[in-house]
Amino acid sequence: MEKLKLSAIPDDKPIKLTVELPAAVHQDLIAYAELLGRTIGQVVEPTKLVPPMLARFMSTDRAFSRVRREKRKPS
């Protein structure tokens, strides 16, 4: 079984955001959704992957995390 960075997609109250993706990114998103669906045994809509992928990206960006921590520190 493949070790993907994403697993179950949480069901959360969404905020609508419209974005345009390059065709290659869209095709990769579809391919990822198909692979994840086979891995977890259920159909995954590609659009449902975008929020957890963005969250994962931001949570693993060390520079972003450092700036966020510094902003949260009391003065």
PDB file of N, CA and C in Angstrom:
ATOM      1  N   MET A   1       0.842  -1.178   0.000  1.00  0.00           N
ATOM      2  CA  MET A   1       0.000   0.000   0.000  1.00  0.00           C
ATOM      3  C   MET A   1       0.889   1.245   0.000  1.00  0.00           C
ATOM      4  N   GLU A   2       0.494   2.267  -0.743  1.00  0.00           N
ATOM      5  CA  GLU A   2       1.254   3.497  -0.832  1.00  0.00           C
ATOM      6  C   GLU A   2       1.176   4.290   0.462  1.00  0.00           C
ATOM      7  N   LYS A   3       2.242   4.997   0.790  1.00  0.00           N
ATOM      8  CA  LYS A   3       2.272   5.857   1.976  1.00  0.00           C
ATOM      9  C   LYS A   3       2.077   7.293   1.496  1.00  0.00           C
ATOM     10  N   LEU A   4       0.826   7.746   1.512  1.00  0.00           N
ATOM     11  CA  LEU A   4       0.502   9.092   1.068  1.00  0.00           C
ATOM     12  C   LEU A   4       0.536  10.056   2.245  1.00  0.00           C
ATOM     13  N   LYS A   5       0.763  11.318   1.966  1.00  0.00           N
ATOM     14  CA  LYS A   5       0.771  12.323   3.026  1.00  0.00           C
ATOM     15  C   LYS A   5      -0.624  12.605   3.543  1.00  0.00           C
ATOM     16  N   LEU A   6      -1.645  12.376   2.728  1.00  0.00           N
ATOM     17  CA  LEU A   6      -3.015  12.592   3.154  1.00  0.00           C
ATOM     18  C   LEU A   6      -3.675  11.258   3.441  1.00  0.00           C
ATOM     19  N   SER A   7      -4.619  11.279   4.357  1.00  0.00           N
ATOM     20  CA  SER A   7      -5.409  10.077   4.619  1.00  0.00           C
ATOM     21  C   SER A   7      -6.872  10.475   4.547  1.00  0.00           C
ATOM     22  N   ALA A   8      -7.628  10.265   5.583  1.00  0.00           N
ATOM     23  CA  ALA A   8      -9.044  10.624   5.570  1.00  0.00           C
ATOM     24  C   ALA A   8      -9.195  12.140   5.442  1.00  0.00           C
ATOM     25  N   ILE A   9     -10.200  12.542   4.703  1.00  0.00           N
ATOM     26  CA  ILE A   9     -10.468  13.962   4.505  1.00  0.00           C
ATOM     27  C   ILE A   9     -11.501  14.402   5.543  1.00  0.00           C
ATOM     28  N   PRO A  10     -11.123  15.322   6.444  1.00  0.00           N
ATOM     29  CA  PRO A  10     -12.077  15.741   7.466  1.00  0.00           C
ATOM     30  C   PRO A  10     -13.227  16.547   6.858  1.00  0.00           C
ATOM     31  N   ASP A  11     -14.394  16.397   7.446  1.00  0.00           N
ATOM     32  CA  ASP A  11     -15.564  17.143   6.998  1.00  0.00           C
ATOM     33  C   ASP A  11     -15.681  18.367   7.897  1.00  0.00           C
ATOM     34  N   ASP A  12     -15.404  19.535   7.342  1.00  0.00           N
ATOM     35  CA  ASP A  12     -15.381  20.772   8.105  1.00  0.00           C
ATOM     36  C   ASP A  12     -16.257  21.805   7.404  1.00  0.00           C
ATOM     37  N   LYS A  13     -16.694  22.819   8.130  1.00  0.00           N
ATOM     38  CA  LYS A  13     -17.517  23.864   7.527  1.00  0.00           C
ATOM     39  C   LYS A  13     -16.658  24.629   6.516  1.00  0.00           C
ATOM     40  N   PRO A  14     -17.025  24.585   5.251  1.00  0.00           N
ATOM     41  CA  PRO A  14     -16.177  25.191   4.229  1.00  0.00           C
ATOM     42  C   PRO A  14     -16.387  26.700   4.052  1.00  0.00           C
ATOM     43  N   ILE A  15     -15.367  27.345   3.565  1.00  0.00           N
ATOM     44  CA  ILE A  15     -15.397  28.720   3.098  1.00  0.00           C
ATOM     45  C   ILE A  15     -15.164  28.629   1.595  1.00  0.00           C
ATOM     46  N   LYS A  16     -16.040  29.208   0.802  1.00  0.00           N
ATOM     47  CA  LYS A  16     -15.920  29.083  -0.649  1.00  0.00           C
ATOM     48  C   LYS A  16     -14.768  29.940  -1.154  1.00  0.00           C
ATOM     49  N   LEU A  17     -13.921  29.312  -1.960  1.00  0.00           N
ATOM     50  CA  LEU A  17     -12.774  29.970  -2.563  1.00  0.00           C
ATOM     51  C   LEU A  17     -12.670  29.475  -3.993  1.00  0.00           C
ATOM     52  N   THR A  18     -12.552  30.375  -4.930  1.00  0.00           N
ATOM     53  CA  THR A  18     -12.428  29.992  -6.333  1.00  0.00           C
ATOM     54  C   THR A  18     -10.992  30.223  -6.781  1.00  0.00           C
ATOM     55  N   VAL A  19     -10.391  29.202  -7.367  1.00  0.00           N
ATOM     56  CA  VAL A  19      -9.022  29.313  -7.865  1.00  0.00           C
ATOM     57  C   VAL A  19      -8.945  28.743  -9.274  1.00  0.00           C
ATOM     58  N   GLU A  20      -7.951  29.174 -10.004  1.00  0.00           N
ATOM     59  CA  GLU A  20      -7.666  28.612 -11.313  1.00  0.00           C
ATOM     60  C   GLU A  20      -6.372  27.824 -11.196  1.00  0.00           C
ATOM     61  N   LEU A  21      -6.397  26.598 -11.688  1.00  0.00           N
ATOM     62  CA  LEU A  21      -5.222  25.731 -11.638  1.00  0.00           C
ATOM     63  C   LEU A  21      -4.678  25.520 -13.042  1.00  0.00           C
ATOM     64  N   PRO A  22      -3.372  25.404 -13.163  1.00  0.00           N
ATOM     65  CA  PRO A  22      -2.825  24.984 -14.449  1.00  0.00           C
ATOM     66  C   PRO A  22      -3.333  23.573 -14.764  1.00  0.00           C
ATOM     67  N   ALA A  23      -3.494  23.269 -16.028  1.00  0.00           N
ATOM     68  CA  ALA A  23      -4.031  21.967 -16.445  1.00  0.00           C
ATOM     69  C   ALA A  23      -3.225  20.810 -15.851  1.00  0.00           C
ATOM     70  N   ALA A  24      -1.912  20.941 -15.820  1.00  0.00           N
ATOM     71  CA  ALA A  24      -1.071  19.858 -15.295  1.00  0.00           C
ATOM     72  C   ALA A  24      -1.333  19.624 -13.805  1.00  0.00           C
ATOM     73  N   VAL A  25      -1.549  20.692 -13.052  1.00  0.00           N
ATOM     74  CA  VAL A  25      -1.834  20.555 -11.626  1.00  0.00           C
ATOM     75  C   VAL A  25      -3.199  19.896 -11.447  1.00  0.00           C
ATOM     76  N   HIS A  26      -4.159  20.280 -12.254  1.00  0.00           N
ATOM     77  CA  HIS A  26      -5.495  19.679 -12.183  1.00  0.00           C
ATOM     78  C   HIS A  26      -5.430  18.178 -12.472  1.00  0.00           C
ATOM     79  N   GLN A  27      -4.688  17.790 -13.489  1.00  0.00           N
ATOM     80  CA  GLN A  27      -4.550  16.371 -13.814  1.00  0.00           C
ATOM     81  C   GLN A  27      -3.884  15.611 -12.675  1.00  0.00           C
ATOM     82  N   ASP A  28      -2.865  16.214 -12.061  1.00  0.00           N
ATOM     83  CA  ASP A  28      -2.208  15.574 -10.915  1.00  0.00           C
ATOM     84  C   ASP A  28      -3.157  15.454  -9.725  1.00  0.00           C
ATOM     85  N   LEU A  29      -3.993  16.457  -9.524  1.00  0.00           N
ATOM     86  CA  LEU A  29      -4.965  16.415  -8.439  1.00  0.00           C
ATOM     87  C   LEU A  29      -5.955  15.275  -8.650  1.00  0.00           C
ATOM     88  N   ILE A  30      -6.406  15.108  -9.882  1.00  0.00           N
ATOM     89  CA  ILE A  30      -7.312  14.003 -10.211  1.00  0.00           C
ATOM     90  C   ILE A  30      -6.617  12.659  -9.974  1.00  0.00           C
ATOM     91  N   ALA A  31      -5.369  12.541 -10.421  1.00  0.00           N
ATOM     92  CA  ALA A  31      -4.618  11.299 -10.239  1.00  0.00           C
ATOM     93  C   ALA A  31      -4.408  11.000  -8.753  1.00  0.00           C
ATOM     94  N   TYR A  32      -4.111  12.029  -7.958  1.00  0.00           N
ATOM     95  CA  TYR A  32      -3.918  11.837  -6.523  1.00  0.00           C
ATOM     96  C   TYR A  32      -5.215  11.367  -5.878  1.00  0.00           C
ATOM     97  N   ALA A  33      -6.328  11.979  -6.267  1.00  0.00           N
ATOM     98  CA  ALA A  33      -7.627  11.587  -5.710  1.00  0.00           C
ATOM     99  C   ALA A  33      -7.940  10.130  -6.041  1.00  0.00           C
ATOM    100  N   GLU A  34      -7.626   9.713  -7.250  1.00  0.00           N
ATOM    101  CA  GLU A  34      -7.870   8.317  -7.633  1.00  0.00           C
ATOM    102  C   GLU A  34      -7.000   7.369  -6.812  1.00  0.00           C
ATOM    103  N   LEU A  35      -5.732   7.709  -6.642  1.00  0.00           N
ATOM    104  CA  LEU A  35      -4.827   6.870  -5.858  1.00  0.00           C
ATOM    105  C   LEU A  35      -5.256   6.821  -4.390  1.00  0.00           C
ATOM    106  N   LEU A  36      -5.586   7.967  -3.832  1.00  0.00           N
ATOM    107  CA  LEU A  36      -6.042   8.001  -2.448  1.00  0.00           C
ATOM    108  C   LEU A  36      -7.333   7.206  -2.289  1.00  0.00           C
ATOM    109  N   GLY A  37      -8.235   7.340  -3.239  1.00  0.00           N
ATOM    110  CA  GLY A  37      -9.492   6.584  -3.193  1.00  0.00           C
ATOM    111  C   GLY A  37      -9.261   5.088  -3.176  1.00  0.00           C
ATOM    112  N   ARG A  38      -8.335   4.616  -4.005  1.00  0.00           N
ATOM    113  CA  ARG A  38      -8.001   3.186  -4.012  1.00  0.00           C
ATOM    114  C   ARG A  38      -7.363   2.775  -2.691  1.00  0.00           C
ATOM    115  N   THR A  39      -6.535   3.655  -2.129  1.00  0.00           N
ATOM    116  CA  THR A  39      -5.834   3.353  -0.887  1.00  0.00           C
ATOM    117  C   THR A  39      -6.784   3.246   0.296  1.00  0.00           C
ATOM    118  N   ILE A  40      -7.767   4.160   0.380  1.00  0.00           N
ATOM    119  CA  ILE A  40      -8.675   4.158   1.531  1.00  0.00           C
ATOM    120  C   ILE A  40      -9.988   3.448   1.243  1.00  0.00           C
ATOM    121  N   GLY A  41     -10.181   3.030   0.003  1.00  0.00           N
ATOM    122  CA  GLY A  41     -11.368   2.251  -0.333  1.00  0.00           C
ATOM    123  C   GLY A  41     -12.650   3.049  -0.483  1.00  0.00           C
ATOM    124  N   GLN A  42     -12.538   4.299  -0.863  1.00  0.00           N
ATOM    125  CA  GLN A  42     -13.733   5.095  -1.121  1.00  0.00           C
ATOM    126  C   GLN A  42     -13.421   6.151  -2.176  1.00  0.00           C
ATOM    127  N   VAL A  43     -14.467   6.660  -2.799  1.00  0.00           N
ATOM    128  CA  VAL A  43     -14.296   7.673  -3.833  1.00  0.00           C
ATOM    129  C   VAL A  43     -13.916   9.000  -3.177  1.00  0.00           C
ATOM    130  N   VAL A  44     -12.906   9.659  -3.730  1.00  0.00           N
ATOM    131  CA  VAL A  44     -12.457  10.944  -3.211  1.00  0.00           C
ATOM    132  C   VAL A  44     -12.598  11.982  -4.323  1.00  0.00           C
ATOM    133  N   GLU A  45     -13.339  13.046  -4.040  1.00  0.00           N
ATOM    134  CA  GLU A  45     -13.467  14.139  -5.000  1.00  0.00           C
ATOM    135  C   GLU A  45     -12.173  14.955  -4.989  1.00  0.00           C
ATOM    136  N   PRO A  46     -11.594  15.224  -6.143  1.00  0.00           N
ATOM    137  CA  PRO A  46     -10.340  15.995  -6.184  1.00  0.00           C
ATOM    138  C   PRO A  46     -10.423  17.337  -5.458  1.00  0.00           C
ATOM    139  N   THR A  47     -11.570  17.999  -5.530  1.00  0.00           N
ATOM    140  CA  THR A  47     -11.691  19.302  -4.863  1.00  0.00           C
ATOM    141  C   THR A  47     -11.576  19.181  -3.347  1.00  0.00           C
ATOM    142  N   LYS A  48     -11.904  18.027  -2.789  1.00  0.00           N
ATOM    143  CA  LYS A  48     -11.804  17.823  -1.342  1.00  0.00           C
ATOM    144  C   LYS A  48     -10.355  17.693  -0.881  1.00  0.00           C
ATOM    145  N   LEU A  49      -9.437  17.501  -1.819  1.00  0.00           N
ATOM    146  CA  LEU A  49      -8.029  17.357  -1.462  1.00  0.00           C
ATOM    147  C   LEU A  49      -7.334  18.693  -1.243  1.00  0.00           C
ATOM    148  N   VAL A  50      -7.828  19.736  -1.878  1.00  0.00           N
ATOM    149  CA  VAL A  50      -7.125  21.022  -1.840  1.00  0.00           C
ATOM    150  C   VAL A  50      -6.955  21.559  -0.411  1.00  0.00           C
ATOM    151  N   PRO A  51      -8.011  21.626   0.417  1.00  0.00           N
ATOM    152  CA  PRO A  51      -7.798  22.156   1.775  1.00  0.00           C
ATOM    153  C   PRO A  51      -6.776  21.374   2.603  1.00  0.00           C
ATOM    154  N   PRO A  52      -6.857  20.031   2.677  1.00  0.00           N
ATOM    155  CA  PRO A  52      -5.851  19.349   3.492  1.00  0.00           C
ATOM    156  C   PRO A  52      -4.445  19.431   2.892  1.00  0.00           C
ATOM    157  N   MET A  53      -4.356  19.517   1.562  1.00  0.00           N
ATOM    158  CA  MET A  53      -3.028  19.671   0.946  1.00  0.00           C
ATOM    159  C   MET A  53      -2.424  21.027   1.307  1.00  0.00           C
ATOM    160  N   LEU A  54      -3.232  22.084   1.240  1.00  0.00           N
ATOM    161  CA  LEU A  54      -2.737  23.407   1.622  1.00  0.00           C
ATOM    162  C   LEU A  54      -2.368  23.449   3.096  1.00  0.00           C
ATOM    163  N   ALA A  55      -3.210  22.864   3.934  1.00  0.00           N
ATOM    164  CA  ALA A  55      -2.923  22.835   5.371  1.00  0.00           C
ATOM    165  C   ALA A  55      -1.625  22.087   5.646  1.00  0.00           C
ATOM    166  N   ARG A  56      -1.449  20.948   4.983  1.00  0.00           N
ATOM    167  CA  ARG A  56      -0.223  20.151   5.165  1.00  0.00           C
ATOM    168  C   ARG A  56       0.999  20.936   4.700  1.00  0.00           C
ATOM    169  N   PHE A  57       0.870  21.596   3.564  1.00  0.00           N
ATOM    170  CA  PHE A  57       1.970  22.403   3.039  1.00  0.00           C
ATOM    171  C   PHE A  57       2.358  23.496   4.036  1.00  0.00           C
ATOM    172  N   MET A  58       1.365  24.228   4.533  1.00  0.00           N
ATOM    173  CA  MET A  58       1.670  25.321   5.460  1.00  0.00           C
ATOM    174  C   MET A  58       2.204  24.816   6.794  1.00  0.00           C
ATOM    175  N   SER A  59       1.709  23.679   7.257  1.00  0.00           N
ATOM    176  CA  SER A  59       2.169  23.154   8.548  1.00  0.00           C
ATOM    177  C   SER A  59       3.592  22.616   8.483  1.00  0.00           C
ATOM    178  N   THR A  60       4.073  22.293   7.297  1.00  0.00           N
ATOM    179  CA  THR A  60       5.436  21.771   7.168  1.00  0.00           C
ATOM    180  C   THR A  60       6.419  22.811   6.632  1.00  0.00           C
ATOM    181  N   ASP A  61       5.963  24.041   6.431  1.00  0.00           N
ATOM    182  CA  ASP A  61       6.838  25.117   5.971  1.00  0.00           C
ATOM    183  C   ASP A  61       7.466  25.760   7.209  1.00  0.00           C
ATOM    184  N   ARG A  62       8.729  25.504   7.434  1.00  0.00           N
ATOM    185  CA  ARG A  62       9.389  25.962   8.655  1.00  0.00           C
ATOM    186  C   ARG A  62       9.427  27.479   8.774  1.00  0.00           C
ATOM    187  N   ALA A  63       9.696  28.171   7.681  1.00  0.00           N
ATOM    188  CA  ALA A  63       9.749  29.633   7.731  1.00  0.00           C
ATOM    189  C   ALA A  63       8.383  30.201   8.097  1.00  0.00           C
ATOM    190  N   PHE A  64       7.329  29.669   7.511  1.00  0.00           N
ATOM    191  CA  PHE A  64       5.978  30.119   7.819  1.00  0.00           C
ATOM    192  C   PHE A  64       5.643  29.847   9.284  1.00  0.00           C
ATOM    193  N   SER A  65       5.982  28.661   9.765  1.00  0.00           N
ATOM    194  CA  SER A  65       5.707  28.301  11.163  1.00  0.00           C
ATOM    195  C   SER A  65       6.444  29.236  12.124  1.00  0.00           C
ATOM    196  N   ARG A  66       7.683  29.561  11.796  1.00  0.00           N
ATOM    197  CA  ARG A  66       8.475  30.443  12.651  1.00  0.00           C
ATOM    198  C   ARG A  66       7.827  31.834  12.722  1.00  0.00           C
ATOM    199  N   VAL A  67       7.412  32.372  11.596  1.00  0.00           N
ATOM    200  CA  VAL A  67       6.779  33.693  11.577  1.00  0.00           C
ATOM    201  C   VAL A  67       5.472  33.662  12.362  1.00  0.00           C
ATOM    202  N   ARG A  68       4.683  32.599  12.197  1.00  0.00           N
ATOM    203  CA  ARG A  68       3.416  32.486  12.934  1.00  0.00           C
ATOM    204  C   ARG A  68       3.661  32.444  14.442  1.00  0.00           C
ATOM    205  N   ARG A  69       4.666  31.679  14.864  1.00  0.00           N
ATOM    206  CA  ARG A  69       4.992  31.603  16.302  1.00  0.00           C
ATOM    207  C   ARG A  69       5.410  32.968  16.832  1.00  0.00           C
ATOM    208  N   GLU A  70       6.237  33.682  16.068  1.00  0.00           N
ATOM    209  CA  GLU A  70       6.717  34.996  16.497  1.00  0.00           C
ATOM    210  C   GLU A  70       5.567  35.996  16.618  1.00  0.00           C
ATOM    211  N   LYS A  71       4.596  35.905  15.724  1.00  0.00           N
ATOM    212  CA  LYS A  71       3.443  36.820  15.786  1.00  0.00           C
ATOM    213  C   LYS A  71       2.559  36.515  16.975  1.00  0.00           C
ATOM    214  N   ARG A  72       2.530  35.268  17.428  1.00  0.00           N
ATOM    215  CA  ARG A  72       1.674  34.876  18.546  1.00  0.00           C
ATOM    216  C   ARG A  72       2.296  35.189  19.906  1.00  0.00           C
ATOM    217  N   LYS A  73       3.599  35.441  19.940  1.00  0.00           N
ATOM    218  CA  LYS A  73       4.258  35.722  21.221  1.00  0.00           C
ATOM    219  C   LYS A  73       3.753  37.054  21.768  1.00  0.00           C
ATOM    220  N   PRO A  74       3.453  37.073  23.077  1.00  0.00           N
ATOM    221  CA  PRO A  74       3.040  38.355  23.687  1.00  0.00           C
ATOM    222  C   PRO A  74       4.205  39.330  23.699  1.00  0.00           C
ATOM    223  N   SER A  75       3.905  40.570  23.500  1.00  0.00           N
ATOM    224  CA  SER A  75       4.968  41.610  23.451  1.00  0.00           C
ATOM    225  C   SER A  75       5.446  41.996  24.826  1.00  0.00           C
TER     226      SER A  75
END
